[in-house]
C-alpha atoms as a PDB file:
ATOM      1  CA  MET A   1     -14.664   5.207   0.484  1.00  0.00           C
ATOM      2  CA  LYS A   2     -11.389   7.131   0.868  1.00  0.00           C
ATOM      3  CA  ASP A   3     -13.122   9.575   3.236  1.00  0.00           C
ATOM      4  CA  ASP A   4     -14.289   6.627   5.370  1.00  0.00           C
ATOM      5  CA  ILE A   5     -10.763   5.601   6.379  1.00  0.00           C
ATOM      6  CA  GLU A   6     -10.611   5.496  10.160  1.00  0.00           C
ATOM      7  CA  LYS A   7      -7.411   6.814  11.717  1.00  0.00           C
ATOM      8  CA  ILE A   8      -6.250   4.919  14.777  1.00  0.00           C
ATOM      9  CA  ALA A   9      -3.399   5.482  17.178  1.00  0.00           C
ATOM     10  CA  GLN A  10      -0.662   2.921  16.910  1.00  0.00           C
ATOM     11  CA  PRO A  11      -0.610   0.618  19.908  1.00  0.00           C
ATOM     12  CA  GLU A  12       1.826   1.617  22.599  1.00  0.00           C
ATOM     13  CA  LYS A  13       5.324   1.931  21.201  1.00  0.00           C
ATOM     14  CA  ILE A  14       7.089  -1.394  21.458  1.00  0.00           C
ATOM     15  CA  THR A  15      10.472  -1.850  19.859  1.00  0.00           C
ATOM     16  CA  LEU A  16      10.305  -5.028  17.819  1.00  0.00           C
ATOM     17  CA  PRO A  17      12.470  -6.510  15.097  1.00  0.00           C
ATOM     18  CA  GLN A  18      11.030  -5.637  11.681  1.00  0.00           C
ATOM     19  CA  MET A  19       9.895  -9.262  11.230  1.00  0.00           C
ATOM     20  CA  LEU A  20       7.553  -8.970  14.204  1.00  0.00           C
ATOM     21  CA  ASP A  21       6.032  -5.600  13.272  1.00  0.00           C
ATOM     22  CA  PHE A  22       2.261  -6.139  13.023  1.00  0.00           C
ATOM     23  CA  TYR A  23       2.025  -3.506  10.281  1.00  0.00           C
ATOM     24  CA  PRO A  24       3.940  -4.314   7.086  1.00  0.00           C
ATOM     25  CA  LEU A  25       6.275  -1.891   5.358  1.00  0.00           C
ATOM     26  CA  GLU A  26       4.065  -0.780   2.495  1.00  0.00           C
ATOM     27  CA  ASP A  27       6.047   1.363   0.094  1.00  0.00           C
ATOM     28  CA  GLU A  28       7.507   0.333  -3.256  1.00  0.00           C
ATOM     29  CA  LYS A  29      11.015   0.241  -1.793  1.00  0.00           C
ATOM     30  CA  ASN A  30      10.055  -2.403   0.784  1.00  0.00           C
ATOM     31  CA  THR A  31       7.488  -4.637  -0.935  1.00  0.00           C
ATOM     32  CA  ARG A  32       6.679  -5.728  -4.450  1.00  0.00           C
ATOM     33  CA  ILE A  33       2.961  -5.718  -3.554  1.00  0.00           C
ATOM     34  CA  SER A  34       2.914  -2.020  -2.652  1.00  0.00           C
ATOM     35  CA  GLN A  35       0.040  -1.601  -5.142  1.00  0.00           C
ATOM     36  CA  PHE A  36      -2.176  -3.534  -2.700  1.00  0.00           C
ATOM     37  CA  PHE A  37      -1.653  -0.839  -0.059  1.00  0.00           C
ATOM     38  CA  GLN A  38      -2.087   2.002  -2.554  1.00  0.00           C
ATOM     39  CA  ASN A  39      -5.383   0.470  -3.674  1.00  0.00           C
ATOM     40  CA  LEU A  40      -6.459   0.041  -0.044  1.00  0.00           C
ATOM     41  CA  LYS A  41      -5.774   3.735   0.622  1.00  0.00           C
ATOM     42  CA  MET A  42      -8.267   4.456  -2.172  1.00  0.00           C
ATOM     43  CA  GLY A  43     -10.853   2.176  -0.534  1.00  0.00           C
ATOM     44  CA  HIS A  44     -10.348  -0.821  -2.832  1.00  0.00           C
ATOM     45  CA  LEU A  45      -9.589  -4.308  -1.514  1.00  0.00           C
ATOM     46  CA  THR A  46      -7.591  -5.965  -4.275  1.00  0.00           C
ATOM     47  CA  THR A  47      -5.467  -8.992  -4.919  1.00  0.00           C
ATOM     48  CA  THR A  48      -3.539 -10.552  -7.774  1.00  0.00           C
ATOM     49  CA  LYS A  49      -4.874 -12.870 -10.457  1.00  0.00           C
ATOM     50  CA  CYS A  50      -2.703 -15.007 -12.713  1.00  0.00           C
ATOM     51  CA  LYS A  51      -3.139 -14.220 -16.399  1.00  0.00           C
ATOM     52  CA  SER A  52      -1.839 -17.685 -17.324  1.00  0.00           C
ATOM     53  CA  CYS A  53      -3.973 -20.068 -15.217  1.00  0.00           C
ATOM     54  CA  ARG A  54      -6.595 -17.484 -14.060  1.00  0.00           C
ATOM     55  CA  SER A  55      -6.093 -18.325 -10.354  1.00  0.00           C
ATOM     56  CA  VAL A  56      -7.125 -15.578  -7.931  1.00  0.00           C
ATOM     57  CA  LEU A  57      -4.385 -15.430  -5.313  1.00  0.00           C
ATOM     58  CA  TRP A  58      -4.592 -14.469  -1.642  1.00  0.00           C
ATOM     59  CA  PRO A  59      -2.639 -12.900  -0.201  1.00  0.00           C
ATOM     60  CA  PRO A  60      -1.461 -10.858  -3.211  1.00  0.00           C
ATOM     61  CA  ARG A  61       1.651 -12.380  -4.756  1.00  0.00           C
ATOM     62  CA  VAL A  62       4.343 -11.600  -7.283  1.00  0.00           C
ATOM     63  CA  VAL A  63       4.435 -15.190  -8.595  1.00  0.00           C
ATOM     64  CA  CYS A  64       1.444 -17.515  -9.038  1.00  0.00           C
ATOM     65  CA  SER A  65       1.578 -20.295  -6.459  1.00  0.00           C
ATOM     66  CA  ASN A  66      -0.365 -22.537  -8.853  1.00  0.00           C
ATOM     67  CA  CYS A  67       1.629 -22.344 -12.111  1.00  0.00           C
ATOM     68  CA  MET A  68       4.669 -20.205 -11.111  1.00  0.00           C
ATOM     69  CA  SER A  69       3.903 -17.531 -13.713  1.00  0.00           C
ATOM     70  CA  ASP A  70       4.792 -13.940 -12.872  1.00  0.00           C
ATOM     71  CA  ASP A  71       2.249 -12.572 -15.371  1.00  0.00           C
ATOM     72  CA  LEU A  72      -0.262 -11.240 -12.833  1.00  0.00           C
ATOM     73  CA  GLU A  73      -2.911  -8.527 -12.790  1.00  0.00           C
ATOM     74  CA  TRP A  74      -4.668  -6.656  -9.985  1.00  0.00           C
ATOM     75  CA  VAL A  75      -8.359  -7.451  -9.440  1.00  0.00           C
ATOM     76  CA  ASN A  76     -10.903  -5.792  -7.172  1.00  0.00           C
ATOM     77  CA  LEU A  77     -12.548  -8.033  -4.553  1.00  0.00           C
ATOM     78  CA  GLY A  78     -15.338  -5.597  -3.709  1.00  0.00           C
ATOM     79  CA  THR A  79     -16.305  -4.024  -0.413  1.00  0.00           C
ATOM     80  CA  GLU A  80     -19.068  -6.335   0.841  1.00  0.00           C
ATOM     81  CA  GLY A  81     -18.473  -9.832   2.145  1.00  0.00           C
ATOM     82  CA  GLU A  82     -20.280 -12.543   4.043  1.00  0.00           C
ATOM     83  CA  LEU A  83     -19.258 -13.907   7.416  1.00  0.00           C
ATOM     84  CA  TYR A  84     -18.225 -17.547   7.004  1.00  0.00           C
ATOM     85  CA  ALA A  85     -16.940 -18.224  10.545  1.00  0.00           C
ATOM     86  CA  PHE A  86     -16.020 -16.166  13.587  1.00  0.00           C
ATOM     87  CA  THR A  87     -14.598 -16.209  17.081  1.00  0.00           C
ATOM     88  CA  GLU A  88     -13.817 -13.798  19.876  1.00  0.00           C
ATOM     89  CA  MET A  89     -10.337 -13.058  21.158  1.00  0.00           C
ATOM     90  CA  LYS A  90     -10.523 -12.613  24.917  1.00  0.00           C
ATOM     91  CA  ALA A  91      -6.850 -13.188  25.764  1.00  0.00           C
ATOM     92  CA  GLY A  92      -3.547 -13.584  23.964  1.00  0.00           C
ATOM     93  CA  ALA A  93      -3.817 -10.537  21.695  1.00  0.00           C
ATOM     94  CA  PRO A  94      -0.687  -9.516  19.769  1.00  0.00           C
ATOM     95  CA  LEU A  95       1.698  -7.193  21.613  1.00  0.00           C
ATOM     96  CA  GLY A  96       0.182  -3.739  21.964  1.00  0.00           C
ATOM     97  CA  PHE A  97      -3.396  -4.875  21.304  1.00  0.00           C
ATOM     98  CA  GLU A  98      -4.224  -6.077  24.804  1.00  0.00           C
ATOM     99  CA  LYS A  99      -6.258  -2.888  25.402  1.00  0.00           C
ATOM    100  CA  ASP A 100      -8.567  -3.812  22.492  1.00  0.00           C
ATOM    101  CA  LEU A 101      -9.723  -7.063  24.113  1.00  0.00           C
ATOM    102  CA  PRO A 102     -12.191  -8.550  23.622  1.00  0.00           C
ATOM    103  CA  PHE A 103     -12.584  -8.289  19.841  1.00  0.00           C
ATOM    104  CA  CYS A 104     -14.044 -10.454  17.089  1.00  0.00           C
ATOM    105  CA  ILE A 105     -12.139 -12.169  14.303  1.00  0.00           C
ATOM    106  CA  GLY A 106     -13.784 -13.823  11.338  1.00  0.00           C
ATOM    107  CA  LEU A 107     -13.378 -15.540   8.023  1.00  0.00           C
ATOM    108  CA  VAL A 108     -15.045 -13.395   5.375  1.00  0.00           C
ATOM    109  CA  LYS A 109     -16.121 -14.696   1.962  1.00  0.00           C
ATOM    110  CA  ILE A 110     -15.394 -11.980  -0.582  1.00  0.00           C
ATOM    111  CA  GLY A 111     -14.520 -12.142  -4.260  1.00  0.00           C
ATOM    112  CA  GLY A 112     -14.522 -15.946  -4.184  1.00  0.00           C
ATOM    113  CA  LEU A 113     -11.926 -16.039  -1.397  1.00  0.00           C
ATOM    114  CA  LEU A 114     -11.904 -16.525   2.381  1.00  0.00           C
ATOM    115  CA  LEU A 115     -10.023 -13.767   4.216  1.00  0.00           C
ATOM    116  CA  SER A 116      -9.205 -13.696   7.902  1.00  0.00           C
ATOM    117  CA  SER A 117      -9.949 -10.316   9.442  1.00  0.00           C
ATOM    118  CA  ARG A 118     -10.911  -8.461  12.536  1.00  0.00           C
ATOM    119  CA  ILE A 119     -14.655  -7.662  12.647  1.00  0.00           C
ATOM    120  CA  ASP A 120     -15.367  -4.255  14.184  1.00  0.00           C
ATOM    121  CA  GLY A 121     -18.522  -2.673  15.535  1.00  0.00           C
ATOM    122  CA  VAL A 122     -20.214  -5.781  16.892  1.00  0.00           C
ATOM    123  CA  ARG A 123     -20.212  -8.057  19.905  1.00  0.00           C
ATOM    124  CA  TYR A 124     -19.603 -11.780  19.517  1.00  0.00           C
ATOM    125  CA  GLU A 125     -23.161 -12.558  20.662  1.00  0.00           C
ATOM    126  CA  ASP A 126     -24.592 -10.492  17.804  1.00  0.00           C
ATOM    127  CA  LEU A 127     -22.656 -12.150  14.957  1.00  0.00           C
ATOM    128  CA  LYS A 128     -24.247 -14.749  12.691  1.00  0.00           C
ATOM    129  CA  ILE A 129     -22.892 -16.992   9.952  1.00  0.00           C
ATOM    130  CA  GLY A 130     -23.914 -15.521   6.591  1.00  0.00           C
ATOM    131  CA  GLN A 131     -24.127 -11.969   7.972  1.00  0.00           C
ATOM    132  CA  LYS A 132     -23.100  -9.225   5.533  1.00  0.00           C
ATOM    133  CA  VAL A 133     -19.985  -7.254   6.435  1.00  0.00           C
ATOM    134  CA  GLN A 134     -18.403  -4.161   4.852  1.00  0.00           C
ATOM    135  CA  LEU A 135     -14.758  -3.373   4.180  1.00  0.00           C
ATOM    136  CA  LYS A 136     -13.211  -1.005   6.706  1.00  0.00           C
ATOM    137  CA  VAL A 137      -9.841   0.588   5.979  1.00  0.00           C
ATOM    138  CA  VAL A 138      -7.825   1.620   9.021  1.00  0.00           C
ATOM    139  CA  GLU A 139      -4.854   3.993   8.872  1.00  0.00           C
ATOM    140  CA  LEU A 140      -2.173   4.489  11.517  1.00  0.00           C
ATOM    141  CA  GLU A 141      -2.121   8.146  12.597  1.00  0.00           C
ATOM    142  CA  ASN A 142       1.625   8.504  12.919  1.00  0.00           C
ATOM    143  CA  ASP A 143       2.871   7.062   9.642  1.00  0.00           C
ATOM    144  CA  GLY A 144      -0.054   6.490   7.262  1.00  0.00           C
ATOM    145  CA  ARG A 145       0.256   2.723   6.946  1.00  0.00           C
ATOM    146  CA  VAL A 146      -3.100   1.064   6.229  1.00  0.00           C
ATOM    147  CA  PHE A 147      -4.692  -2.314   6.676  1.00  0.00           C
ATOM    148  CA  TYR A 148      -8.141  -3.786   6.273  1.00  0.00           C
ATOM    149  CA  ARG A 149     -10.832  -4.940   8.662  1.00  0.00           C
ATOM    150  CA  PHE A 150     -14.522  -5.554   8.210  1.00  0.00           C
ATOM    151  CA  LYS A 151     -17.464  -4.018  10.045  1.00  0.00           C
ATOM    152  CA  VAL A 152     -21.112  -4.931  10.466  1.00  0.00           C
END
């Protein structure tokens, strides 16, 4: 999967406060869930699971939102999901993504969770509830940050 990572150009340079940066700071210095991004770079979509109450948490956390334990482990969610719901963004894209319009966004069932994600490689008219989708890892050319999408 690591060889399948698609490199994309960062949207036009827009100076934003760090809080509004679409791409999170992913290294160990800046986030306690840096392992999520390291796993993603290897082609693995992962999240945290509480060892105390066994809750699978999304997004990945450092403390269980169910029982407040910090005894967590990383679990693999897999690479194939099922489309649960979807829509098409035709206007109102985040800053810098206006050139991508229109694009599809969906809720994907994977690993017992529902994740919101962009769905690449398909037109809205061709999507169907229950359709199988595959993990797609996308890397920014200029700084190596990664994030996930799904593709048909």
